[in-house]
Amino acid sequence: ARKVVAQRQNFNRSSSSEPTAKVSLEDFFSRLQEGESKTLNLIVKADVQGSLEPIINSLKKIGDNNDEVALEILLSSTGNITEFDVMLAAASDAVILGFNVNADPIARNAANSEQVQINTYSIIYKLFEDIEKALKGMLAPVYADVVIGRSEVREVFRIRQVGAIAGSYMRTGEARRNSKARLIRQNQLIFDGRVGSLKHLQDNVREVKSGFEFGVSINGWSDYKPGDIIEFYVTERVETE
């Protein structure tokens, strides 16, 4: 670890480039989206060994419960946060966690200079809560299709230079201009595409609520039949548990 810090210090003396980007629990998801490693590096300091050991054990369990994200504890020790801790964090893109400890003035100055985040806690569950939230943010997002409404085709209109329009009745939920749509005929999925147009009376509209008649077209499809069901849906990110 001292070798890594020494290399970082030598680099700082000889380089005139911009400081490295701040590493924080809050920015890990954006770093992941940019293709960076799914590893959260930590340096952990606590007031006494009796506090440090259960913190480390609990952090390891949190990391073990995440298949997609690695949690690495680079250093764990008792005592206040020092300049050495900060320089190691800067060299390793790590976040410093402190429980019932402070950072000495030299360490604070180094953290500001190196743009290293120091998080200190007096309540242990808050420390674990912050780590769990950071790891959730680092997990690859999960998406699911959410049905927002269903309509029934009652009449088909063919308009020159426009094509086929399904005159429909909104049975439940709503239809949205920017949503996707599935055409269902006799309980069979016939076509899946994006809403091309949405009209109420003669006006283009963004949405239609249940209980209204309207016209709709689906991009790439024109063979509508009375009795068809059009299911409108959107794709949304699902929060991980």
C-alpha atoms as a PDB file:
ATOM      1  CA  ALA A   1       0.000   0.000   0.000  1.00  0.00           C
ATOM      2  CA  ARG A   2       2.853   2.409   0.829  1.00  0.00           C
ATOM      3  CA  LYS A   3       4.353   1.748  -2.609  1.00  0.00           C
ATOM      4  CA  VAL A   4       1.069   2.704  -4.267  1.00  0.00           C
ATOM      5  CA  VAL A   5       0.891   5.915  -2.233  1.00  0.00           C
ATOM      6  CA  ALA A   6       4.499   6.777  -3.050  1.00  0.00           C
ATOM      7  CA  GLN A   7       3.826   6.298  -6.752  1.00  0.00           C
ATOM      8  CA  ARG A   8       0.808   8.574  -6.496  1.00  0.00           C
ATOM      9  CA  GLN A   9       2.810  11.263  -4.684  1.00  0.00           C
ATOM     10  CA  ASN A  10       5.567  11.126  -7.316  1.00  0.00           C
ATOM     11  CA  PHE A  11       2.964  11.430 -10.059  1.00  0.00           C
ATOM     12  CA  ASN A  12       1.417  14.474  -8.383  1.00  0.00           C
ATOM     13  CA  ARG A  13       4.791  16.212  -8.165  1.00  0.00           C
ATOM     14  CA  SER A  14       5.622  15.641 -11.832  1.00  0.00           C
ATOM     15  CA  SER A  15       2.208  16.009 -13.484  1.00  0.00           C
ATOM     16  CA  SER A  16       0.390  19.209 -14.372  1.00  0.00           C
ATOM     17  CA  SER A  17      -2.823  17.451 -15.473  1.00  0.00           C
ATOM     18  CA  GLU A  18      -6.248  18.042 -13.923  1.00  0.00           C
ATOM     19  CA  PRO A  19      -7.039  16.331 -10.585  1.00  0.00           C
ATOM     20  CA  THR A  20      -8.758  12.973 -10.788  1.00  0.00           C
ATOM     21  CA  ALA A  21     -12.543  12.976 -10.642  1.00  0.00           C
ATOM     22  CA  LYS A  22     -14.044  12.835  -7.184  1.00  0.00           C
ATOM     23  CA  VAL A  23     -14.891   9.315  -6.048  1.00  0.00           C
ATOM     24  CA  SER A  24     -18.059   9.085  -3.976  1.00  0.00           C
ATOM     25  CA  LEU A  25     -20.756   6.619  -3.048  1.00  0.00           C
ATOM     26  CA  GLU A  26     -23.213   8.745  -5.022  1.00  0.00           C
ATOM     27  CA  ASP A  27     -21.334   8.684  -8.340  1.00  0.00           C
ATOM     28  CA  PHE A  28     -20.657   4.963  -8.680  1.00  0.00           C
ATOM     29  CA  PHE A  29     -23.713   4.304 -10.857  1.00  0.00           C
ATOM     30  CA  SER A  30     -22.688   6.932 -13.404  1.00  0.00           C
ATOM     31  CA  ARG A  31     -19.140   5.546 -13.368  1.00  0.00           C
ATOM     32  CA  LEU A  32     -20.560   2.100 -14.043  1.00  0.00           C
ATOM     33  CA  GLN A  33     -22.621   3.413 -16.969  1.00  0.00           C
ATOM     34  CA  GLU A  34     -19.407   4.770 -18.459  1.00  0.00           C
ATOM     35  CA  GLY A  35     -18.010   1.235 -18.495  1.00  0.00           C
ATOM     36  CA  GLU A  36     -15.848   1.377 -15.393  1.00  0.00           C
ATOM     37  CA  SER A  37     -15.271  -1.580 -13.064  1.00  0.00           C
ATOM     38  CA  LYS A  38     -18.108  -2.821 -10.866  1.00  0.00           C
ATOM     39  CA  THR A  39     -15.925  -2.615  -7.775  1.00  0.00           C
ATOM     40  CA  LEU A  40     -16.483  -0.405  -4.756  1.00  0.00           C
ATOM     41  CA  ASN A  41     -13.142   0.127  -2.998  1.00  0.00           C
ATOM     42  CA  LEU A  42     -13.285   1.035   0.689  1.00  0.00           C
ATOM     43  CA  ILE A  43     -10.946   2.116   3.461  1.00  0.00           C
ATOM     44  CA  VAL A  44     -12.529   1.567   6.869  1.00  0.00           C
ATOM     45  CA  LYS A  45     -11.481   3.218  10.133  1.00  0.00           C
ATOM     46  CA  ALA A  46     -13.106   2.748  13.541  1.00  0.00           C
ATOM     47  CA  ASP A  47     -12.506   3.902  17.098  1.00  0.00           C
ATOM     48  CA  VAL A  48     -11.793   0.474  18.604  1.00  0.00           C
ATOM     49  CA  GLN A  49     -11.234  -3.085  17.419  1.00  0.00           C
ATOM     50  CA  GLY A  50     -14.529  -4.113  19.000  1.00  0.00           C
ATOM     51  CA  SER A  51     -16.330  -1.828  16.529  1.00  0.00           C
ATOM     52  CA  LEU A  52     -14.099  -2.502  13.539  1.00  0.00           C
ATOM     53  CA  GLU A  53     -14.501  -6.281  13.390  1.00  0.00           C
ATOM     54  CA  PRO A  54     -18.329  -6.392  13.203  1.00  0.00           C
ATOM     55  CA  ILE A  55     -18.296  -3.564  10.636  1.00  0.00           C
ATOM     56  CA  ILE A  56     -15.883  -5.474   8.395  1.00  0.00           C
ATOM     57  CA  ASN A  57     -17.839  -8.720   8.793  1.00  0.00           C
ATOM     58  CA  SER A  58     -21.121  -7.000   7.921  1.00  0.00           C
ATOM     59  CA  LEU A  59     -19.616  -5.219   4.909  1.00  0.00           C
ATOM     60  CA  LYS A  60     -18.282  -8.524   3.607  1.00  0.00           C
ATOM     61  CA  LYS A  61     -21.754 -10.057   3.938  1.00  0.00           C
ATOM     62  CA  ILE A  62     -23.269  -7.127   2.035  1.00  0.00           C
ATOM     63  CA  GLY A  63     -20.719  -7.641  -0.732  1.00  0.00           C
ATOM     64  CA  ASP A  64     -21.272 -11.411  -0.827  1.00  0.00           C
ATOM     65  CA  ASN A  65     -24.998 -10.853  -1.384  1.00  0.00           C
ATOM     66  CA  ASN A  66     -24.327  -8.954  -4.629  1.00  0.00           C
ATOM     67  CA  ASP A  67     -23.465 -11.216  -7.553  1.00  0.00           C
ATOM     68  CA  GLU A  68     -22.767  -8.378  -9.976  1.00  0.00           C
ATOM     69  CA  VAL A  69     -20.780  -6.009  -7.768  1.00  0.00           C
ATOM     70  CA  ALA A  70     -17.520  -6.523  -5.888  1.00  0.00           C
ATOM     71  CA  LEU A  71     -16.852  -4.794  -2.581  1.00  0.00           C
ATOM     72  CA  GLU A  72     -13.132  -4.510  -1.775  1.00  0.00           C
ATOM     73  CA  ILE A  73     -11.847  -3.417   1.644  1.00  0.00           C
ATOM     74  CA  LEU A  74      -8.342  -2.165   0.914  1.00  0.00           C
ATOM     75  CA  LEU A  75      -7.474  -1.199   4.476  1.00  0.00           C
ATOM     76  CA  SER A  76      -9.160  -1.499   7.867  1.00  0.00           C
ATOM     77  CA  SER A  77      -7.687  -0.202  11.109  1.00  0.00           C
ATOM     78  CA  THR A  78      -8.446   1.682  14.298  1.00  0.00           C
ATOM     79  CA  GLY A  79      -7.733   5.345  14.930  1.00  0.00           C
ATOM     80  CA  ASN A  80      -8.487   8.648  13.254  1.00  0.00           C
ATOM     81  CA  ILE A  81      -8.309   9.081   9.483  1.00  0.00           C
ATOM     82  CA  THR A  82      -4.815  10.119   8.403  1.00  0.00           C
ATOM     83  CA  GLU A  83      -3.096  11.557   5.354  1.00  0.00           C
ATOM     84  CA  PHE A  84      -1.842   8.059   4.525  1.00  0.00           C
ATOM     85  CA  ASP A  85      -5.451   6.798   4.379  1.00  0.00           C
ATOM     86  CA  VAL A  86      -6.387   9.638   2.035  1.00  0.00           C
ATOM     87  CA  MET A  87      -3.424   9.090  -0.281  1.00  0.00           C
ATOM     88  CA  LEU A  88      -4.179   5.376  -0.473  1.00  0.00           C
ATOM     89  CA  ALA A  89      -7.815   6.179  -1.289  1.00  0.00           C
ATOM     90  CA  ALA A  90      -6.740   8.631  -3.988  1.00  0.00           C
ATOM     91  CA  ALA A  91      -4.385   6.092  -5.539  1.00  0.00           C
ATOM     92  CA  SER A  92      -7.018   3.346  -5.494  1.00  0.00           C
ATOM     93  CA  ASP A  93     -10.247   5.231  -6.291  1.00  0.00           C
ATOM     94  CA  ALA A  94     -11.575   4.360  -2.845  1.00  0.00           C
ATOM     95  CA  VAL A  95     -14.049   5.902  -0.426  1.00  0.00           C
ATOM     96  CA  ILE A  96     -13.109   6.293   3.238  1.00  0.00           C
ATOM     97  CA  LEU A  97     -15.605   5.195   5.885  1.00  0.00           C
ATOM     98  CA  GLY A  98     -15.078   6.193   9.500  1.00  0.00           C
ATOM     99  CA  PHE A  99     -17.038   5.053  12.547  1.00  0.00           C
ATOM    100  CA  ASN A 100     -16.733   7.186  15.690  1.00  0.00           C
ATOM    101  CA  VAL A 101     -13.506   8.722  14.359  1.00  0.00           C
ATOM    102  CA  ASN A 102     -12.456  12.041  12.847  1.00  0.00           C
ATOM    103  CA  ALA A 103     -10.053  13.086  10.121  1.00  0.00           C
ATOM    104  CA  ASP A 104      -7.088  15.130  11.304  1.00  0.00           C
ATOM    105  CA  PRO A 105      -6.564  18.558   9.650  1.00  0.00           C
ATOM    106  CA  ILE A 106      -3.773  17.312   7.386  1.00  0.00           C
ATOM    107  CA  ALA A 107      -6.001  14.466   6.195  1.00  0.00           C
ATOM    108  CA  ARG A 108      -8.866  16.899   5.526  1.00  0.00           C
ATOM    109  CA  ASN A 109      -6.625  19.126   3.441  1.00  0.00           C
ATOM    110  CA  ALA A 110      -5.331  16.126   1.516  1.00  0.00           C
ATOM    111  CA  ALA A 111      -8.884  14.898   0.912  1.00  0.00           C
ATOM    112  CA  ASN A 112      -9.874  18.284  -0.506  1.00  0.00           C
ATOM    113  CA  SER A 113      -6.801  18.376  -2.710  1.00  0.00           C
ATOM    114  CA  GLU A 114      -7.152  14.791  -3.930  1.00  0.00           C
ATOM    115  CA  GLN A 115     -10.968  14.956  -4.138  1.00  0.00           C
ATOM    116  CA  VAL A 116     -11.423  11.924  -1.908  1.00  0.00           C
ATOM    117  CA  GLN A 117     -14.733  11.415  -0.131  1.00  0.00           C
ATOM    118  CA  ILE A 118     -14.643  10.842   3.631  1.00  0.00           C
ATOM    119  CA  ASN A 119     -17.866   9.588   5.211  1.00  0.00           C
ATOM    120  CA  THR A 120     -17.975   9.464   9.005  1.00  0.00           C
ATOM    121  CA  TYR A 121     -20.737   7.893  11.066  1.00  0.00           C
ATOM    122  CA  SER A 122     -21.828   7.693  14.682  1.00  0.00           C
ATOM    123  CA  ILE A 123     -24.730   5.329  13.932  1.00  0.00           C
ATOM    124  CA  ILE A 124     -23.588   2.003  12.530  1.00  0.00           C
ATOM    125  CA  TYR A 125     -26.744   1.081  10.594  1.00  0.00           C
ATOM    126  CA  LYS A 126     -26.477   4.336   8.611  1.00  0.00           C
ATOM    127  CA  LEU A 127     -23.051   3.231   7.376  1.00  0.00           C
ATOM    128  CA  PHE A 128     -24.461  -0.087   6.146  1.00  0.00           C
ATOM    129  CA  GLU A 129     -27.489   1.658   4.625  1.00  0.00           C
ATOM    130  CA  ASP A 130     -25.294   3.972   2.551  1.00  0.00           C
ATOM    131  CA  ILE A 131     -23.201   1.070   1.259  1.00  0.00           C
ATOM    132  CA  GLU A 132     -26.265  -0.969   0.322  1.00  0.00           C
ATOM    133  CA  LYS A 133     -27.697   1.993  -1.588  1.00  0.00           C
ATOM    134  CA  ALA A 134     -24.415   2.484  -3.429  1.00  0.00           C
ATOM    135  CA  LEU A 135     -24.296  -1.180  -4.408  1.00  0.00           C
ATOM    136  CA  LYS A 136     -27.895  -1.070  -5.622  1.00  0.00           C
ATOM    137  CA  GLY A 137     -27.015   1.882  -7.788  1.00  0.00           C
ATOM    138  CA  MET A 138     -24.120  -0.090  -9.219  1.00  0.00           C
ATOM    139  CA  LEU A 139     -26.227  -3.094 -10.192  1.00  0.00           C
ATOM    140  CA  ALA A 140     -27.134  -3.396 -13.850  1.00  0.00           C
ATOM    141  CA  PRO A 141     -30.627  -1.888 -14.241  1.00  0.00           C
ATOM    142  CA  VAL A 142     -33.552  -4.266 -14.694  1.00  0.00           C
ATOM    143  CA  TYR A 143     -36.404  -3.274 -17.007  1.00  0.00           C
ATOM    144  CA  ALA A 144     -39.947  -4.608 -17.299  1.00  0.00           C
ATOM    145  CA  ASP A 145     -42.941  -3.945 -19.535  1.00  0.00           C
ATOM    146  CA  VAL A 146     -45.820  -2.267 -17.688  1.00  0.00           C
ATOM    147  CA  VAL A 147     -49.282  -2.327 -19.273  1.00  0.00           C
ATOM    148  CA  ILE A 148     -50.925   1.101 -18.980  1.00  0.00           C
ATOM    149  CA  GLY A 149     -54.185   0.512 -20.868  1.00  0.00           C
ATOM    150  CA  ARG A 150     -56.304  -1.628 -23.199  1.00  0.00           C
ATOM    151  CA  SER A 151     -58.623  -0.601 -25.985  1.00  0.00           C
ATOM    152  CA  GLU A 152     -60.989  -2.418 -28.359  1.00  0.00           C
ATOM    153  CA  VAL A 153     -61.032  -1.788 -32.105  1.00  0.00           C
ATOM    154  CA  ARG A 154     -64.587  -1.059 -33.236  1.00  0.00           C
ATOM    155  CA  GLU A 155     -64.127   0.291 -36.751  1.00  0.00           C
ATOM    156  CA  VAL A 156     -61.304   0.604 -39.279  1.00  0.00           C
ATOM    157  CA  PHE A 157     -60.757   3.760 -41.332  1.00  0.00           C
ATOM    158  CA  ARG A 158     -58.515   3.967 -44.367  1.00  0.00           C
ATOM    159  CA  ILE A 159     -57.286   7.464 -45.088  1.00  0.00           C
ATOM    160  CA  ARG A 160     -55.389   8.423 -48.220  1.00  0.00           C
ATOM    161  CA  GLN A 161     -51.732   9.296 -47.536  1.00  0.00           C
ATOM    162  CA  VAL A 162     -52.181   8.191 -43.929  1.00  0.00           C
ATOM    163  CA  GLY A 163     -53.137   4.533 -44.089  1.00  0.00           C
ATOM    164  CA  ALA A 164     -55.282   2.455 -41.779  1.00  0.00           C
ATOM    165  CA  ILE A 165     -56.564   3.929 -38.529  1.00  0.00           C
ATOM    166  CA  ALA A 166     -58.114   1.747 -35.841  1.00  0.00           C
ATOM    167  CA  GLY A 167     -61.207   3.466 -34.475  1.00  0.00           C
ATOM    168  CA  SER A 168     -61.120   2.259 -30.884  1.00  0.00           C
ATOM    169  CA  TYR A 169     -62.746   2.538 -27.482  1.00  0.00           C
ATOM    170  CA  MET A 170     -60.482   2.901 -24.452  1.00  0.00           C
ATOM    171  CA  ARG A 171     -61.678   0.215 -22.060  1.00  0.00           C
ATOM    172  CA  THR A 172     -59.169   0.530 -19.208  1.00  0.00           C
ATOM    173  CA  GLY A 173     -56.216   2.715 -18.294  1.00  0.00           C
ATOM    174  CA  GLU A 174     -54.867   5.047 -20.936  1.00  0.00           C
ATOM    175  CA  ALA A 175     -53.145   5.191 -24.305  1.00  0.00           C
ATOM    176  CA  ARG A 176     -50.049   7.357 -24.769  1.00  0.00           C
ATOM    177  CA  ARG A 177     -48.541   8.723 -27.941  1.00  0.00           C
ATOM    178  CA  ASN A 178     -45.024   7.705 -26.878  1.00  0.00           C
ATOM    179  CA  SER A 179     -45.938   4.197 -25.697  1.00  0.00           C
ATOM    180  CA  LYS A 180     -45.625   0.798 -27.324  1.00  0.00           C
ATOM    181  CA  ALA A 181     -48.604  -1.308 -28.373  1.00  0.00           C
ATOM    182  CA  ARG A 182     -49.482  -4.967 -28.846  1.00  0.00           C
ATOM    183  CA  LEU A 183     -52.256  -6.056 -31.190  1.00  0.00           C
ATOM    184  CA  ILE A 184     -54.124  -9.048 -29.755  1.00  0.00           C
ATOM    185  CA  ARG A 185     -56.655 -11.024 -31.803  1.00  0.00           C
ATOM    186  CA  GLN A 186     -58.631 -13.879 -30.279  1.00  0.00           C
ATOM    187  CA  ASN A 187     -56.203 -13.978 -27.340  1.00  0.00           C
ATOM    188  CA  GLN A 188     -53.209 -14.321 -29.669  1.00  0.00           C
ATOM    189  CA  LEU A 189     -50.431 -11.758 -29.994  1.00  0.00           C
ATOM    190  CA  ILE A 190     -50.435 -10.656 -33.641  1.00  0.00           C
ATOM    191  CA  PHE A 191     -48.092  -7.665 -33.679  1.00  0.00           C
ATOM    192  CA  ASP A 192     -45.917  -5.637 -31.328  1.00  0.00           C
ATOM    193  CA  GLY A 193     -44.743  -2.130 -32.213  1.00  0.00           C
ATOM    194  CA  ARG A 194     -44.795   1.555 -31.358  1.00  0.00           C
ATOM    195  CA  VAL A 195     -47.787   3.860 -31.454  1.00  0.00           C
ATOM    196  CA  GLY A 196     -47.657   5.807 -34.712  1.00  0.00           C
ATOM    197  CA  SER A 197     -50.502   8.251 -34.174  1.00  0.00           C
ATOM    198  CA  LEU A 198     -53.151   9.001 -31.586  1.00  0.00           C
ATOM    199  CA  LYS A 199     -56.226  11.072 -32.419  1.00  0.00           C
ATOM    200  CA  HIS A 200     -59.308  12.193 -30.543  1.00  0.00           C
ATOM    201  CA  LEU A 201     -61.922  13.579 -32.924  1.00  0.00           C
ATOM    202  CA  GLN A 202     -59.732  15.456 -35.449  1.00  0.00           C
ATOM    203  CA  ASP A 203     -56.936  16.382 -33.067  1.00  0.00           C
ATOM    204  CA  ASN A 204     -53.590  14.737 -32.478  1.00  0.00           C
ATOM    205  CA  VAL A 205     -53.334  14.042 -28.747  1.00  0.00           C
ATOM    206  CA  ARG A 206     -50.671  12.818 -26.355  1.00  0.00           C
ATOM    207  CA  GLU A 207     -52.953  10.511 -24.380  1.00  0.00           C
ATOM    208  CA  VAL A 208     -56.477   9.126 -24.221  1.00  0.00           C
ATOM    209  CA  LYS A 209     -58.153   8.098 -20.966  1.00  0.00           C
ATOM    210  CA  SER A 210     -60.572   5.227 -20.412  1.00  0.00           C
ATOM    211  CA  GLY A 211     -64.144   5.762 -21.580  1.00  0.00           C
ATOM    212  CA  PHE A 212     -63.234   7.727 -24.732  1.00  0.00           C
ATOM    213  CA  GLU A 213     -63.306   6.843 -28.411  1.00  0.00           C
ATOM    214  CA  PHE A 214     -60.205   7.619 -30.458  1.00  0.00           C
ATOM    215  CA  GLY A 215     -58.166   6.662 -33.487  1.00  0.00           C
ATOM    216  CA  VAL A 216     -54.808   4.932 -33.283  1.00  0.00           C
ATOM    217  CA  SER A 217     -52.218   3.510 -35.630  1.00  0.00           C
ATOM    218  CA  ILE A 218     -49.275   1.237 -34.869  1.00  0.00           C
ATOM    219  CA  ASN A 219     -46.094   1.706 -36.867  1.00  0.00           C
ATOM    220  CA  GLY A 220     -45.585  -1.180 -39.281  1.00  0.00           C
ATOM    221  CA  TRP A 221     -49.142  -2.552 -39.092  1.00  0.00           C
ATOM    222  CA  SER A 222     -52.328  -1.864 -41.064  1.00  0.00           C
ATOM    223  CA  ASP A 223     -54.501  -5.003 -40.889  1.00  0.00           C
ATOM    224  CA  TYR A 224     -56.808  -4.010 -38.033  1.00  0.00           C
ATOM    225  CA  LYS A 225     -60.117  -5.816 -37.507  1.00  0.00           C
ATOM    226  CA  PRO A 226     -63.115  -4.984 -35.306  1.00  0.00           C
ATOM    227  CA  GLY A 227     -62.775  -6.857 -32.027  1.00  0.00           C
ATOM    228  CA  ASP A 228     -58.976  -6.592 -31.916  1.00  0.00           C
ATOM    229  CA  ILE A 229     -57.540  -5.600 -28.554  1.00  0.00           C
ATOM    230  CA  ILE A 230     -54.730  -3.057 -28.457  1.00  0.00           C
ATOM    231  CA  GLU A 231     -52.646  -3.243 -25.310  1.00  0.00           C
ATOM    232  CA  PHE A 232     -50.583  -0.148 -24.568  1.00  0.00           C
ATOM    233  CA  TYR A 233     -47.428  -0.504 -22.487  1.00  0.00           C
ATOM    234  CA  VAL A 234     -44.230   1.238 -21.450  1.00  0.00           C
ATOM    235  CA  THR A 235     -40.848  -0.142 -20.427  1.00  0.00           C
ATOM    236  CA  GLU A 236     -39.769   0.990 -16.981  1.00  0.00           C
ATOM    237  CA  ARG A 237     -36.793   0.400 -14.754  1.00  0.00           C
ATOM    238  CA  VAL A 238     -37.559  -1.919 -11.846  1.00  0.00           C
ATOM    239  CA  GLU A 239     -36.077  -1.066  -8.455  1.00  0.00           C
ATOM    240  CA  THR A 240     -33.936  -3.868  -7.057  1.00  0.00           C
ATOM    241  CA  GLU A 241     -34.991  -5.262  -3.700  1.00  0.00           C
END
